[in-house]
């Protein structure tokens, strides 16, 4: 069975976004920190059944900044856990979808937004 692991949101104001999710009952599990390679400040909040990663762009030329400029705030990507990543990847290939792999872990890969109706999907083993 496939499970939702994380929803990644691009936001204009990270501190405000964290406060809103905490007011909704989410727990802050990773304090705000700058991730230079992504070009964003990041915080992680968790509910009982999933996590929400919040990204505030600090570099307009990196993916979160480009996303915010083009689309505004919203869902940037989702991370899924699948029981059999190899079977899922093979099934996508049958749909002519090119899944891009992680350099450090062949069981973790991504489906490009162009192939996933505008959403970046990260696939992880369960």
PDB file of N, CA and C in Angstrom:
ATOM      1  N   UNK A   1       0.837  -1.178   0.000  1.00  0.00           N
ATOM      2  CA  UNK A   1       0.000   0.000   0.000  1.00  0.00           C
ATOM      3  C   UNK A   1       0.885   1.244   0.000  1.00  0.00           C
ATOM      4  N   UNK A   2       0.469   2.265  -0.683  1.00  0.00           N
ATOM      5  CA  UNK A   2       1.189   3.534  -0.743  1.00  0.00           C
ATOM      6  C   UNK A   2       0.661   4.466   0.335  1.00  0.00           C
ATOM      7  N   UNK A   3       1.582   5.182   0.970  1.00  0.00           N
ATOM      8  CA  UNK A   3       1.232   6.115   2.030  1.00  0.00           C
ATOM      9  C   UNK A   3       1.819   7.485   1.759  1.00  0.00           C
ATOM     10  N   UNK A   4       1.109   8.529   2.167  1.00  0.00           N
ATOM     11  CA  UNK A   4       1.621   9.884   2.093  1.00  0.00           C
ATOM     12  C   UNK A   4       2.602  10.073   3.238  1.00  0.00           C
ATOM     13  N   UNK A   5       3.802  10.534   2.918  1.00  0.00           N
ATOM     14  CA  UNK A   5       4.828  10.735   3.939  1.00  0.00           C
ATOM     15  C   UNK A   5       4.951  12.206   4.298  1.00  0.00           C
ATOM     16  N   UNK A   6       5.129  13.062   3.291  1.00  0.00           N
ATOM     17  CA  UNK A   6       5.349  14.485   3.523  1.00  0.00           C
ATOM     18  C   UNK A   6       4.730  15.297   2.405  1.00  0.00           C
ATOM     19  N   UNK A   7       4.142  16.421   2.777  1.00  0.00           N
ATOM     20  CA  UNK A   7       3.687  17.419   1.825  1.00  0.00           C
ATOM     21  C   UNK A   7       4.642  18.601   1.979  1.00  0.00           C
ATOM     22  N   UNK A   8       5.180  19.092   0.861  1.00  0.00           N
ATOM     23  CA  UNK A   8       6.105  20.224   0.890  1.00  0.00           C
ATOM     24  C   UNK A   8       5.391  21.444   0.335  1.00  0.00           C
ATOM     25  N   UNK A   9       5.331  22.503   1.145  1.00  0.00           N
ATOM     26  CA  UNK A   9       4.676  23.742   0.750  1.00  0.00           C
ATOM     27  C   UNK A   9       5.697  24.856   0.615  1.00  0.00           C
ATOM     28  N   UNK A  10       5.547  25.665  -0.421  1.00  0.00           N
ATOM     29  CA  UNK A  10       6.339  26.880  -0.563  1.00  0.00           C
ATOM     30  C   UNK A  10       5.501  28.005   0.027  1.00  0.00           C
ATOM     31  N   UNK A  11       6.111  28.783   0.924  1.00  0.00           N
ATOM     32  CA  UNK A  11       5.415  29.869   1.615  1.00  0.00           C
ATOM     33  C   UNK A  11       6.236  31.148   1.535  1.00  0.00           C
ATOM     34  N   UNK A  12       5.561  32.282   1.658  1.00  0.00           N
ATOM     35  CA  UNK A  12       6.266  33.568   1.663  1.00  0.00           C
ATOM     36  C   UNK A  12       6.875  33.879   3.028  1.00  0.00           C
ATOM     37  N   UNK A  13       6.215  33.461   4.107  1.00  0.00           N
ATOM     38  CA  UNK A  13       6.632  33.803   5.463  1.00  0.00           C
ATOM     39  C   UNK A  13       6.671  32.525   6.298  1.00  0.00           C
ATOM     40  N   UNK A  14       7.861  31.995   6.503  1.00  0.00           N
ATOM     41  CA  UNK A  14       8.031  30.715   7.191  1.00  0.00           C
ATOM     42  C   UNK A  14       7.549  30.777   8.631  1.00  0.00           C
ATOM     43  N   UNK A  15       7.886  31.839   9.351  1.00  0.00           N
ATOM     44  CA  UNK A  15       7.496  31.937  10.757  1.00  0.00           C
ATOM     45  C   UNK A  15       5.971  31.955  10.909  1.00  0.00           C
ATOM     46  N   UNK A  16       5.293  32.679  10.040  1.00  0.00           N
ATOM     47  CA  UNK A  16       3.831  32.725  10.072  1.00  0.00           C
ATOM     48  C   UNK A  16       3.250  31.354   9.738  1.00  0.00           C
ATOM     49  N   UNK A  17       3.810  30.681   8.746  1.00  0.00           N
ATOM     50  CA  UNK A  17       3.316  29.360   8.364  1.00  0.00           C
ATOM     51  C   UNK A  17       3.477  28.366   9.511  1.00  0.00           C
ATOM     52  N   UNK A  18       4.624  28.383  10.182  1.00  0.00           N
ATOM     53  CA  UNK A  18       4.839  27.489  11.324  1.00  0.00           C
ATOM     54  C   UNK A  18       3.800  27.775  12.399  1.00  0.00           C
ATOM     55  N   UNK A  19       3.561  29.040  12.701  1.00  0.00           N
ATOM     56  CA  UNK A  19       2.588  29.410  13.735  1.00  0.00           C
ATOM     57  C   UNK A  19       1.189  28.903  13.383  1.00  0.00           C
ATOM     58  N   UNK A  20       0.816  28.996  12.117  1.00  0.00           N
ATOM     59  CA  UNK A  20      -0.503  28.525  11.689  1.00  0.00           C
ATOM     60  C   UNK A  20      -0.624  27.019  11.876  1.00  0.00           C
ATOM     61  N   UNK A  21       0.390  26.262  11.461  1.00  0.00           N
ATOM     62  CA  UNK A  21       0.311  24.808  11.599  1.00  0.00           C
ATOM     63  C   UNK A  21       0.368  24.381  13.056  1.00  0.00           C
ATOM     64  N   UNK A  22       1.132  25.085  13.873  1.00  0.00           N
ATOM     65  CA  UNK A  22       1.145  24.767  15.306  1.00  0.00           C
ATOM     66  C   UNK A  22      -0.233  25.033  15.913  1.00  0.00           C
ATOM     67  N   UNK A  23      -0.896  26.111  15.499  1.00  0.00           N
ATOM     68  CA  UNK A  23      -2.241  26.416  16.004  1.00  0.00           C
ATOM     69  C   UNK A  23      -3.232  25.325  15.606  1.00  0.00           C
ATOM     70  N   UNK A  24      -2.952  24.646  14.486  1.00  0.00           N
ATOM     71  CA  UNK A  24      -3.813  23.550  14.028  1.00  0.00           C
ATOM     72  C   UNK A  24      -3.473  22.210  14.682  1.00  0.00           C
ATOM     73  N   UNK A  25      -2.472  22.206  15.577  1.00  0.00           N
ATOM     74  CA  UNK A  25      -2.136  20.992  16.305  1.00  0.00           C
ATOM     75  C   UNK A  25      -0.913  20.247  15.809  1.00  0.00           C
ATOM     76  N   UNK A  26      -0.231  20.784  14.805  1.00  0.00           N
ATOM     77  CA  UNK A  26       1.012  20.175  14.345  1.00  0.00           C
ATOM     78  C   UNK A  26       2.120  20.486  15.344  1.00  0.00           C
ATOM     79  N   UNK A  27       3.089  19.600  15.448  1.00  0.00           N
ATOM     80  CA  UNK A  27       4.241  19.786  16.329  1.00  0.00           C
ATOM     81  C   UNK A  27       5.450  20.174  15.494  1.00  0.00           C
ATOM     82  N   UNK A  28       6.158  21.225  15.912  1.00  0.00           N
ATOM     83  CA  UNK A  28       7.391  21.619  15.240  1.00  0.00           C
ATOM     84  C   UNK A  28       8.464  20.604  15.602  1.00  0.00           C
ATOM     85  N   UNK A  29       8.967  19.854  14.607  1.00  0.00           N
ATOM     86  CA  UNK A  29       9.969  18.820  14.876  1.00  0.00           C
ATOM     87  C   UNK A  29      11.351  19.199  14.357  1.00  0.00           C
ATOM     88  N   UNK A  30      11.416  20.160  13.447  1.00  0.00           N
ATOM     89  CA  UNK A  30      12.708  20.690  12.993  1.00  0.00           C
ATOM     90  C   UNK A  30      12.583  22.193  12.873  1.00  0.00           C
ATOM     91  N   UNK A  31      13.340  22.898  13.705  1.00  0.00           N
ATOM     92  CA  UNK A  31      13.332  24.360  13.717  1.00  0.00           C
ATOM     93  C   UNK A  31      13.736  24.913  12.353  1.00  0.00           C
ATOM     94  N   UNK A  32      13.354  26.147  12.111  1.00  0.00           N
ATOM     95  CA  UNK A  32      13.708  26.819  10.859  1.00  0.00           C
ATOM     96  C   UNK A  32      15.219  26.864  10.694  1.00  0.00           C
ATOM     97  N   UNK A  33      15.681  26.502   9.519  1.00  0.00           N
ATOM     98  CA  UNK A  33      17.112  26.517   9.199  1.00  0.00           C
ATOM     99  C   UNK A  33      17.263  26.791   7.710  1.00  0.00           C
ATOM    100  N   UNK A  34      18.353  27.421   7.364  1.00  0.00           N
ATOM    101  CA  UNK A  34      18.631  27.718   5.961  1.00  0.00           C
ATOM    102  C   UNK A  34      19.263  26.504   5.292  1.00  0.00           C
ATOM    103  N   UNK A  35      18.738  26.135   4.128  1.00  0.00           N
ATOM    104  CA  UNK A  35      19.289  25.052   3.321  1.00  0.00           C
ATOM    105  C   UNK A  35      19.774  25.700   2.021  1.00  0.00           C
ATOM    106  N   UNK A  36      21.047  26.054   1.975  1.00  0.00           N
ATOM    107  CA  UNK A  36      21.589  26.807   0.843  1.00  0.00           C
ATOM    108  C   UNK A  36      21.445  26.057  -0.477  1.00  0.00           C
ATOM    109  N   UNK A  37      21.626  24.743  -0.458  1.00  0.00           N
ATOM    110  CA  UNK A  37      21.560  23.975  -1.704  1.00  0.00           C
ATOM    111  C   UNK A  37      20.167  24.012  -2.332  1.00  0.00           C
ATOM    112  N   UNK A  38      19.145  24.212  -1.517  1.00  0.00           N
ATOM    113  CA  UNK A  38      17.766  24.278  -1.997  1.00  0.00           C
ATOM    114  C   UNK A  38      17.360  25.731  -2.254  1.00  0.00           C
ATOM    115  N   UNK A  39      18.086  26.667  -1.621  1.00  0.00           N
ATOM    116  CA  UNK A  39      17.763  28.080  -1.765  1.00  0.00           C
ATOM    117  C   UNK A  39      16.552  28.479  -0.953  1.00  0.00           C
ATOM    118  N   UNK A  40      16.431  27.900   0.258  1.00  0.00           N
ATOM    119  CA  UNK A  40      15.248  28.185   1.072  1.00  0.00           C
ATOM    120  C   UNK A  40      15.558  28.023   2.556  1.00  0.00           C
ATOM    121  N   UNK A  41      14.732  28.689   3.361  1.00  0.00           N
ATOM    122  CA  UNK A  41      14.662  28.387   4.793  1.00  0.00           C
ATOM    123  C   UNK A  41      13.615  27.296   4.925  1.00  0.00           C
ATOM    124  N   UNK A  42      13.844  26.362   5.838  1.00  0.00           N
ATOM    125  CA  UNK A  42      12.989  25.177   5.941  1.00  0.00           C
ATOM    126  C   UNK A  42      12.638  24.896   7.391  1.00  0.00           C
ATOM    127  N   UNK A  43      11.405  24.475   7.618  1.00  0.00           N
ATOM    128  CA  UNK A  43      10.968  23.972   8.925  1.00  0.00           C
ATOM    129  C   UNK A  43      10.093  22.755   8.653  1.00  0.00           C
ATOM    130  N   UNK A  44      10.005  21.867   9.640  1.00  0.00           N
ATOM    131  CA  UNK A  44       9.204  20.653   9.498  1.00  0.00           C
ATOM    132  C   UNK A  44       8.236  20.559  10.670  1.00  0.00           C
ATOM    133  N   UNK A  45       6.963  20.389  10.341  1.00  0.00           N
ATOM    134  CA  UNK A  45       5.942  20.171  11.358  1.00  0.00           C
ATOM    135  C   UNK A  45       5.306  18.814  11.097  1.00  0.00           C
ATOM    136  N   UNK A  46       4.833  18.184  12.179  1.00  0.00           N
ATOM    137  CA  UNK A  46       4.310  16.829  12.035  1.00  0.00           C
ATOM    138  C   UNK A  46       2.945  16.716  12.723  1.00  0.00           C
ATOM    139  N   UNK A  47       2.072  15.977  12.061  1.00  0.00           N
ATOM    140  CA  UNK A  47       0.800  15.559  12.640  1.00  0.00           C
ATOM    141  C   UNK A  47       0.903  14.066  12.901  1.00  0.00           C
ATOM    142  N   UNK A  48      -0.162  13.471  13.342  1.00  0.00           N
ATOM    143  CA  UNK A  48      -0.119  12.046  13.647  1.00  0.00           C
ATOM    144  C   UNK A  48       0.168  11.201  12.419  1.00  0.00           C
ATOM    145  N   UNK A  49      -0.355  11.597  11.246  1.00  0.00           N
ATOM    146  CA  UNK A  49      -0.276  10.732  10.073  1.00  0.00           C
ATOM    147  C   UNK A  49       0.603  11.238   8.944  1.00  0.00           C
ATOM    148  N   UNK A  50       1.210  12.422   9.059  1.00  0.00           N
ATOM    149  CA  UNK A  50       2.112  12.901   8.013  1.00  0.00           C
ATOM    150  C   UNK A  50       2.893  14.106   8.512  1.00  0.00           C
ATOM    151  N   UNK A  51       3.806  14.550   7.689  1.00  0.00           N
ATOM    152  CA  UNK A  51       4.602  15.740   7.997  1.00  0.00           C
ATOM    153  C   UNK A  51       4.347  16.778   6.917  1.00  0.00           C
ATOM    154  N   UNK A  52       4.535  18.047   7.289  1.00  0.00           N
ATOM    155  CA  UNK A  52       4.465  19.143   6.339  1.00  0.00           C
ATOM    156  C   UNK A  52       5.803  19.872   6.414  1.00  0.00           C
ATOM    157  N   UNK A  53       6.488  19.906   5.280  1.00  0.00           N
ATOM    158  CA  UNK A  53       7.750  20.623   5.169  1.00  0.00           C
ATOM    159  C   UNK A  53       7.426  21.986   4.579  1.00  0.00           C
ATOM    160  N   UNK A  54       7.868  23.036   5.244  1.00  0.00           N
ATOM    161  CA  UNK A  54       7.591  24.406   4.825  1.00  0.00           C
ATOM    162  C   UNK A  54       8.867  25.032   4.303  1.00  0.00           C
ATOM    163  N   UNK A  55       8.819  25.578   3.098  1.00  0.00           N
ATOM    164  CA  UNK A  55       9.989  26.199   2.469  1.00  0.00           C
ATOM    165  C   UNK A  55       9.699  27.662   2.153  1.00  0.00           C
ATOM    166  N   UNK A  56      10.547  28.545   2.663  1.00  0.00           N
ATOM    167  CA  UNK A  56      10.487  29.958   2.297  1.00  0.00           C
ATOM    168  C   UNK A  56      11.702  30.248   1.431  1.00  0.00           C
ATOM    169  N   UNK A  57      11.492  30.551   0.153  1.00  0.00           N
ATOM    170  CA  UNK A  57      12.624  30.793  -0.747  1.00  0.00           C
ATOM    171  C   UNK A  57      13.502  31.958  -0.285  1.00  0.00           C
ATOM    172  N   UNK A  58      14.820  31.754  -0.441  1.00  0.00           N
ATOM    173  CA  UNK A  58      15.775  32.839  -0.194  1.00  0.00           C
ATOM    174  C   UNK A  58      16.614  33.090  -1.442  1.00  0.00           C
ATOM    175  N   UNK A  59      16.430  32.264  -2.458  1.00  0.00           N
ATOM    176  CA  UNK A  59      17.128  32.421  -3.732  1.00  0.00           C
ATOM    177  C   UNK A  59      16.093  32.254  -4.842  1.00  0.00           C
ATOM    178  N   UNK A  60      15.808  33.345  -5.532  1.00  0.00           N
ATOM    179  CA  UNK A  60      14.772  33.334  -6.572  1.00  0.00           C
ATOM    180  C   UNK A  60      15.105  32.461  -7.773  1.00  0.00           C
ATOM    181  N   UNK A  61      16.352  32.000  -7.883  1.00  0.00           N
ATOM    182  CA  UNK A  61      16.766  31.203  -9.040  1.00  0.00           C
ATOM    183  C   UNK A  61      16.793  29.706  -8.761  1.00  0.00           C
ATOM    184  N   UNK A  62      16.517  29.297  -7.533  1.00  0.00           N
ATOM    185  CA  UNK A  62      16.448  27.869  -7.183  1.00  0.00           C
ATOM    186  C   UNK A  62      14.980  27.430  -7.258  1.00  0.00           C
ATOM    187  N   UNK A  63      14.713  26.127  -7.319  1.00  0.00           N
ATOM    188  CA  UNK A  63      13.344  25.654  -7.547  1.00  0.00           C
ATOM    189  C   UNK A  63      12.246  26.254  -6.652  1.00  0.00           C
ATOM    190  N   UNK A  64      12.416  26.345  -5.321  1.00  0.00           N
ATOM    191  CA  UNK A  64      11.326  26.946  -4.544  1.00  0.00           C
ATOM    192  C   UNK A  64      11.056  28.407  -4.920  1.00  0.00           C
ATOM    193  N   UNK A  65      12.112  29.164  -5.191  1.00  0.00           N
ATOM    194  CA  UNK A  65      11.943  30.555  -5.592  1.00  0.00           C
ATOM    195  C   UNK A  65      11.278  30.689  -6.948  1.00  0.00           C
ATOM    196  N   UNK A  66      11.677  29.836  -7.884  1.00  0.00           N
ATOM    197  CA  UNK A  66      11.053  29.833  -9.208  1.00  0.00           C
ATOM    198  C   UNK A  66       9.575  29.450  -9.099  1.00  0.00           C
ATOM    199  N   UNK A  67       9.285  28.480  -8.254  1.00  0.00           N
ATOM    200  CA  UNK A  67       7.902  28.044  -8.041  1.00  0.00           C
ATOM    201  C   UNK A  67       7.064  29.188  -7.484  1.00  0.00           C
ATOM    202  N   UNK A  68       7.578  29.853  -6.441  1.00  0.00           N
ATOM    203  CA  UNK A  68       6.825  30.940  -5.814  1.00  0.00           C
ATOM    204  C   UNK A  68       6.541  32.064  -6.804  1.00  0.00           C
ATOM    205  N   UNK A  69       7.540  32.403  -7.591  1.00  0.00           N
ATOM    206  CA  UNK A  69       7.365  33.471  -8.576  1.00  0.00           C
ATOM    207  C   UNK A  69       6.334  33.084  -9.646  1.00  0.00           C
ATOM    208  N   UNK A  70       6.349  31.845 -10.087  1.00  0.00           N
ATOM    209  CA  UNK A  70       5.464  31.410 -11.168  1.00  0.00           C
ATOM    210  C   UNK A  70       4.050  31.071 -10.695  1.00  0.00           C
ATOM    211  N   UNK A  71       3.938  30.488  -9.496  1.00  0.00           N
ATOM    212  CA  UNK A  71       2.643  29.944  -9.074  1.00  0.00           C
ATOM    213  C   UNK A  71       2.113  30.510  -7.770  1.00  0.00           C
ATOM    214  N   UNK A  72       2.939  31.216  -7.024  1.00  0.00           N
ATOM    215  CA  UNK A  72       2.512  31.676  -5.706  1.00  0.00           C
ATOM    216  C   UNK A  72       2.692  30.575  -4.671  1.00  0.00           C
ATOM    217  N   UNK A  73       2.212  30.836  -3.476  1.00  0.00           N
ATOM    218  CA  UNK A  73       2.340  29.859  -2.398  1.00  0.00           C
ATOM    219  C   UNK A  73       1.521  28.602  -2.722  1.00  0.00           C
ATOM    220  N   UNK A  74       1.988  27.472  -2.232  1.00  0.00           N
ATOM    221  CA  UNK A  74       1.202  26.259  -2.424  1.00  0.00           C
ATOM    222  C   UNK A  74       2.024  24.991  -2.361  1.00  0.00           C
ATOM    223  N   UNK A  75       1.392  23.905  -2.773  1.00  0.00           N
ATOM    224  CA  UNK A  75       2.018  22.578  -2.724  1.00  0.00           C
ATOM    225  C   UNK A  75       3.101  22.496  -3.789  1.00  0.00           C
ATOM    226  N   UNK A  76       4.314  22.241  -3.350  1.00  0.00           N
ATOM    227  CA  UNK A  76       5.487  22.139  -4.212  1.00  0.00           C
ATOM    228  C   UNK A  76       5.755  20.683  -4.589  1.00  0.00           C
ATOM    229  N   UNK A  77       5.631  19.804  -3.604  1.00  0.00           N
ATOM    230  CA  UNK A  77       5.859  18.383  -3.871  1.00  0.00           C
ATOM    231  C   UNK A  77       5.242  17.539  -2.764  1.00  0.00           C
ATOM    232  N   UNK A  78       5.178  16.235  -3.028  1.00  0.00           N
ATOM    233  CA  UNK A  78       4.769  15.273  -2.006  1.00  0.00           C
ATOM    234  C   UNK A  78       5.777  14.137  -2.002  1.00  0.00           C
ATOM    235  N   UNK A  79       5.949  13.555  -0.843  1.00  0.00           N
ATOM    236  CA  UNK A  79       6.779  12.361  -0.719  1.00  0.00           C
ATOM    237  C   UNK A  79       5.860  11.204  -0.340  1.00  0.00           C
ATOM    238  N   UNK A  80       6.005  10.115  -1.057  1.00  0.00           N
ATOM    239  CA  UNK A  80       5.203   8.914  -0.831  1.00  0.00           C
ATOM    240  C   UNK A  80       6.096   7.780  -0.358  1.00  0.00           C
ATOM    241  N   UNK A  81       5.509   6.861   0.395  1.00  0.00           N
ATOM    242  CA  UNK A  81       6.169   5.600   0.739  1.00  0.00           C
ATOM    243  C   UNK A  81       5.419   4.498   0.010  1.00  0.00           C
ATOM    244  N   UNK A  82       6.152   3.682  -0.725  1.00  0.00           N
ATOM    245  CA  UNK A  82       5.534   2.569  -1.442  1.00  0.00           C
ATOM    246  C   UNK A  82       6.179   1.263  -1.001  1.00  0.00           C
ATOM    247  N   UNK A  83       5.386   0.203  -0.973  1.00  0.00           N
ATOM    248  CA  UNK A  83       5.893  -1.093  -0.527  1.00  0.00           C
ATOM    249  C   UNK A  83       6.918  -1.675  -1.488  1.00  0.00           C
ATOM    250  N   UNK A  84       6.728  -1.456  -2.777  1.00  0.00           N
ATOM    251  CA  UNK A  84       7.618  -2.031  -3.781  1.00  0.00           C
ATOM    252  C   UNK A  84       8.005  -0.963  -4.810  1.00  0.00           C
ATOM    253  N   UNK A  85       9.041  -0.148  -4.505  1.00  0.00           N
ATOM    254  CA  UNK A  85       9.430   0.928  -5.410  1.00  0.00           C
ATOM    255  C   UNK A  85       9.798   0.445  -6.816  1.00  0.00           C
ATOM    256  N   UNK A  86      10.410  -0.719  -6.932  1.00  0.00           N
ATOM    257  CA  UNK A  86      10.811  -1.218  -8.250  1.00  0.00           C
ATOM    258  C   UNK A  86       9.589  -1.513  -9.119  1.00  0.00           C
ATOM    259  N   UNK A  87       8.563  -2.117  -8.548  1.00  0.00           N
ATOM    260  CA  UNK A  87       7.344  -2.392  -9.296  1.00  0.00           C
ATOM    261  C   UNK A  87       6.646  -1.099  -9.694  1.00  0.00           C
ATOM    262  N   UNK A  88       6.609  -0.138  -8.771  1.00  0.00           N
ATOM    263  CA  UNK A  88       5.987   1.157  -9.073  1.00  0.00           C
ATOM    264  C   UNK A  88       6.728   1.860 -10.208  1.00  0.00           C
ATOM    265  N   UNK A  89       8.045   1.821 -10.149  1.00  0.00           N
ATOM    266  CA  UNK A  89       8.852   2.472 -11.190  1.00  0.00           C
ATOM    267  C   UNK A  89       8.633   1.795 -12.543  1.00  0.00           C
ATOM    268  N   UNK A  90       8.555   0.481 -12.546  1.00  0.00           N
ATOM    269  CA  UNK A  90       8.299  -0.272 -13.777  1.00  0.00           C
ATOM    270  C   UNK A  90       6.923   0.074 -14.339  1.00  0.00           C
ATOM    271  N   UNK A  91       5.947   0.190 -13.460  1.00  0.00           N
ATOM    272  CA  UNK A  91       4.604   0.554 -13.896  1.00  0.00           C
ATOM    273  C   UNK A  91       4.563   1.934 -14.519  1.00  0.00           C
ATOM    274  N   UNK A  92       5.307   2.870 -13.962  1.00  0.00           N
ATOM    275  CA  UNK A  92       5.375   4.214 -14.538  1.00  0.00           C
ATOM    276  C   UNK A  92       6.042   4.189 -15.904  1.00  0.00           C
ATOM    277  N   UNK A  93       7.065   3.373 -16.036  1.00  0.00           N
ATOM    278  CA  UNK A  93       7.743   3.266 -17.335  1.00  0.00           C
ATOM    279  C   UNK A  93       6.758   2.792 -18.398  1.00  0.00           C
ATOM    280  N   UNK A  94       5.823   1.922 -18.017  1.00  0.00           N
ATOM    281  CA  UNK A  94       4.792   1.464 -18.941  1.00  0.00           C
ATOM    282  C   UNK A  94       3.836   2.576 -19.353  1.00  0.00           C
ATOM    283  N   UNK A  95       3.814   3.640 -18.559  1.00  0.00           N
ATOM    284  CA  UNK A  95       2.991   4.823 -18.879  1.00  0.00           C
ATOM    285  C   UNK A  95       3.839   5.911 -19.531  1.00  0.00           C
ATOM    286  N   UNK A  96       5.070   5.557 -19.923  1.00  0.00           N
ATOM    287  CA  UNK A  96       6.012   6.487 -20.556  1.00  0.00           C
ATOM    288  C   UNK A  96       6.417   7.620 -19.627  1.00  0.00           C
ATOM    289  N   UNK A  97       6.521   7.311 -18.332  1.00  0.00           N
ATOM    290  CA  UNK A  97       6.963   8.286 -17.340  1.00  0.00           C
ATOM    291  C   UNK A  97       8.393   7.939 -16.954  1.00  0.00           C
ATOM    292  N   UNK A  98       9.275   8.931 -17.060  1.00  0.00           N
ATOM    293  CA  UNK A  98      10.680   8.766 -16.713  1.00  0.00           C
ATOM    294  C   UNK A  98      10.879   9.150 -15.254  1.00  0.00           C
ATOM    295  N   UNK A  99      11.155   8.171 -14.396  1.00  0.00           N
ATOM    296  CA  UNK A  99      11.416   8.432 -12.986  1.00  0.00           C
ATOM    297  C   UNK A  99      12.907   8.664 -12.803  1.00  0.00           C
ATOM    298  N   UNK A 100      13.251   9.768 -12.173  1.00  0.00           N
ATOM    299  CA  UNK A 100      14.656  10.137 -11.953  1.00  0.00           C
ATOM    300  C   UNK A 100      15.114   9.613 -10.603  1.00  0.00           C
ATOM    301  N   UNK A 101      16.242   8.911 -10.579  1.00  0.00           N
ATOM    302  CA  UNK A 101      16.731   8.303  -9.356  1.00  0.00           C
ATOM    303  C   UNK A 101      17.639   9.192  -8.541  1.00  0.00           C
ATOM    304  N   UNK A 102      17.725   8.864  -7.249  1.00  0.00           N
ATOM    305  CA  UNK A 102      18.642   9.552  -6.334  1.00  0.00           C
ATOM    306  C   UNK A 102      20.026   8.966  -6.517  1.00  0.00           C
ATOM    307  N   UNK A 103      21.031   9.808  -6.510  1.00  0.00           N
ATOM    308  CA  UNK A 103      22.403   9.347  -6.718  1.00  0.00           C
ATOM    309  C   UNK A 103      22.867   8.421  -5.602  1.00  0.00           C
ATOM    310  N   UNK A 104      22.373   8.634  -4.380  1.00  0.00           N
ATOM    311  CA  UNK A 104      22.860   7.868  -3.236  1.00  0.00           C
ATOM    312  C   UNK A 104      21.986   6.678  -2.851  1.00  0.00           C
ATOM    313  N   UNK A 105      20.819   6.517  -3.504  1.00  0.00           N
ATOM    314  CA  UNK A 105      19.899   5.457  -3.094  1.00  0.00           C
ATOM    315  C   UNK A 105      18.972   5.106  -4.257  1.00  0.00           C
ATOM    316  N   UNK A 106      19.202   3.961  -4.884  1.00  0.00           N
ATOM    317  CA  UNK A 106      18.430   3.559  -6.067  1.00  0.00           C
ATOM    318  C   UNK A 106      16.961   3.285  -5.762  1.00  0.00           C
ATOM    319  N   UNK A 107      16.610   3.079  -4.485  1.00  0.00           N
ATOM    320  CA  UNK A 107      15.217   2.807  -4.144  1.00  0.00           C
ATOM    321  C   UNK A 107      14.411   4.097  -3.945  1.00  0.00           C
ATOM    322  N   UNK A 108      15.088   5.240  -4.010  1.00  0.00           N
ATOM    323  CA  UNK A 108      14.430   6.543  -3.846  1.00  0.00           C
ATOM    324  C   UNK A 108      14.531   7.292  -5.161  1.00  0.00           C
ATOM    325  N   UNK A 109      13.391   7.796  -5.659  1.00  0.00           N
ATOM    326  CA  UNK A 109      13.397   8.459  -6.953  1.00  0.00           C
ATOM    327  C   UNK A 109      12.249   9.460  -7.044  1.00  0.00           C
ATOM    328  N   UNK A 110      12.224  10.222  -8.152  1.00  0.00           N
ATOM    329  CA  UNK A 110      11.258  11.299  -8.330  1.00  0.00           C
ATOM    330  C   UNK A 110      10.531  11.166  -9.652  1.00  0.00           C
ATOM    331  N   UNK A 111       9.303  11.660  -9.652  1.00  0.00           N
ATOM    332  CA  UNK A 111       8.532  11.808 -10.882  1.00  0.00           C
ATOM    333  C   UNK A 111       8.445  13.309 -11.134  1.00  0.00           C
ATOM    334  N   UNK A 112       8.855  13.713 -12.325  1.00  0.00           N
ATOM    335  CA  UNK A 112       8.890  15.137 -12.676  1.00  0.00           C
ATOM    336  C   UNK A 112       7.489  15.736 -12.717  1.00  0.00           C
ATOM    337  N   UNK A 113       7.382  17.026 -12.391  1.00  0.00           N
ATOM    338  CA  UNK A 113       6.077  17.685 -12.483  1.00  0.00           C
ATOM    339  C   UNK A 113       5.450  17.582 -13.874  1.00  0.00           C
ATOM    340  N   UNK A 114       6.266  17.570 -14.914  1.00  0.00           N
ATOM    341  CA  UNK A 114       5.730  17.454 -16.277  1.00  0.00           C
ATOM    342  C   UNK A 114       4.994  16.128 -16.474  1.00  0.00           C
ATOM    343  N   UNK A 115       5.378  15.102 -15.728  1.00  0.00           N
ATOM    344  CA  UNK A 115       4.745  13.786 -15.842  1.00  0.00           C
ATOM    345  C   UNK A 115       3.693  13.526 -14.765  1.00  0.00           C
ATOM    346  N   UNK A 116       3.604  14.421 -13.774  1.00  0.00           N
ATOM    347  CA  UNK A 116       2.697  14.197 -12.641  1.00  0.00           C
ATOM    348  C   UNK A 116       1.715  15.351 -12.472  1.00  0.00           C
ATOM    349  N   UNK A 117       1.279  15.897 -13.596  1.00  0.00           N
ATOM    350  CA  UNK A 117       0.231  16.921 -13.591  1.00  0.00           C
ATOM    351  C   UNK A 117       0.613  18.135 -12.749  1.00  0.00           C
ATOM    352  N   UNK A 118       1.890  18.541 -12.833  1.00  0.00           N
ATOM    353  CA  UNK A 118       2.359  19.753 -12.170  1.00  0.00           C
ATOM    354  C   UNK A 118       2.926  19.561 -10.783  1.00  0.00           C
ATOM    355  N   UNK A 119       2.999  18.335 -10.296  1.00  0.00           N
ATOM    356  CA  UNK A 119       3.459  18.073  -8.936  1.00  0.00           C
ATOM    357  C   UNK A 119       4.725  17.220  -8.959  1.00  0.00           C
ATOM    358  N   UNK A 120       5.743  17.626  -8.218  1.00  0.00           N
ATOM    359  CA  UNK A 120       6.942  16.823  -8.035  1.00  0.00           C
ATOM    360  C   UNK A 120       6.628  15.749  -7.003  1.00  0.00           C
ATOM    361  N   UNK A 121       6.853  14.484  -7.359  1.00  0.00           N
ATOM    362  CA  UNK A 121       6.575  13.378  -6.452  1.00  0.00           C
ATOM    363  C   UNK A 121       7.870  12.653  -6.126  1.00  0.00           C
ATOM    364  N   UNK A 122       8.174  12.537  -4.842  1.00  0.00           N
ATOM    365  CA  UNK A 122       9.329  11.753  -4.381  1.00  0.00           C
ATOM    366  C   UNK A 122       8.795  10.413  -3.917  1.00  0.00           C
ATOM    367  N   UNK A 123       9.427   9.331  -4.364  1.00  0.00           N
ATOM    368  CA  UNK A 123       9.010   7.978  -3.973  1.00  0.00           C
ATOM    369  C   UNK A 123      10.108   7.363  -3.122  1.00  0.00           C
ATOM    370  N   UNK A 124       9.696   6.853  -1.959  1.00  0.00           N
ATOM    371  CA  UNK A 124      10.613   6.241  -0.990  1.00  0.00           C
ATOM    372  C   UNK A 124      10.116   4.829  -0.675  1.00  0.00           C
ATOM    373  N   UNK A 125      11.032   3.937  -0.312  1.00  0.00           N
ATOM    374  CA  UNK A 125      10.582   2.612   0.127  1.00  0.00           C
ATOM    375  C   UNK A 125       9.860   2.727   1.467  1.00  0.00           C
ATOM    376  N   UNK A 126       8.885   1.867   1.690  1.00  0.00           N
ATOM    377  CA  UNK A 126       8.129   1.875   2.957  1.00  0.00           C
ATOM    378  C   UNK A 126       9.007   1.381   4.102  1.00  0.00           C
TER     379      UNK A 126
END
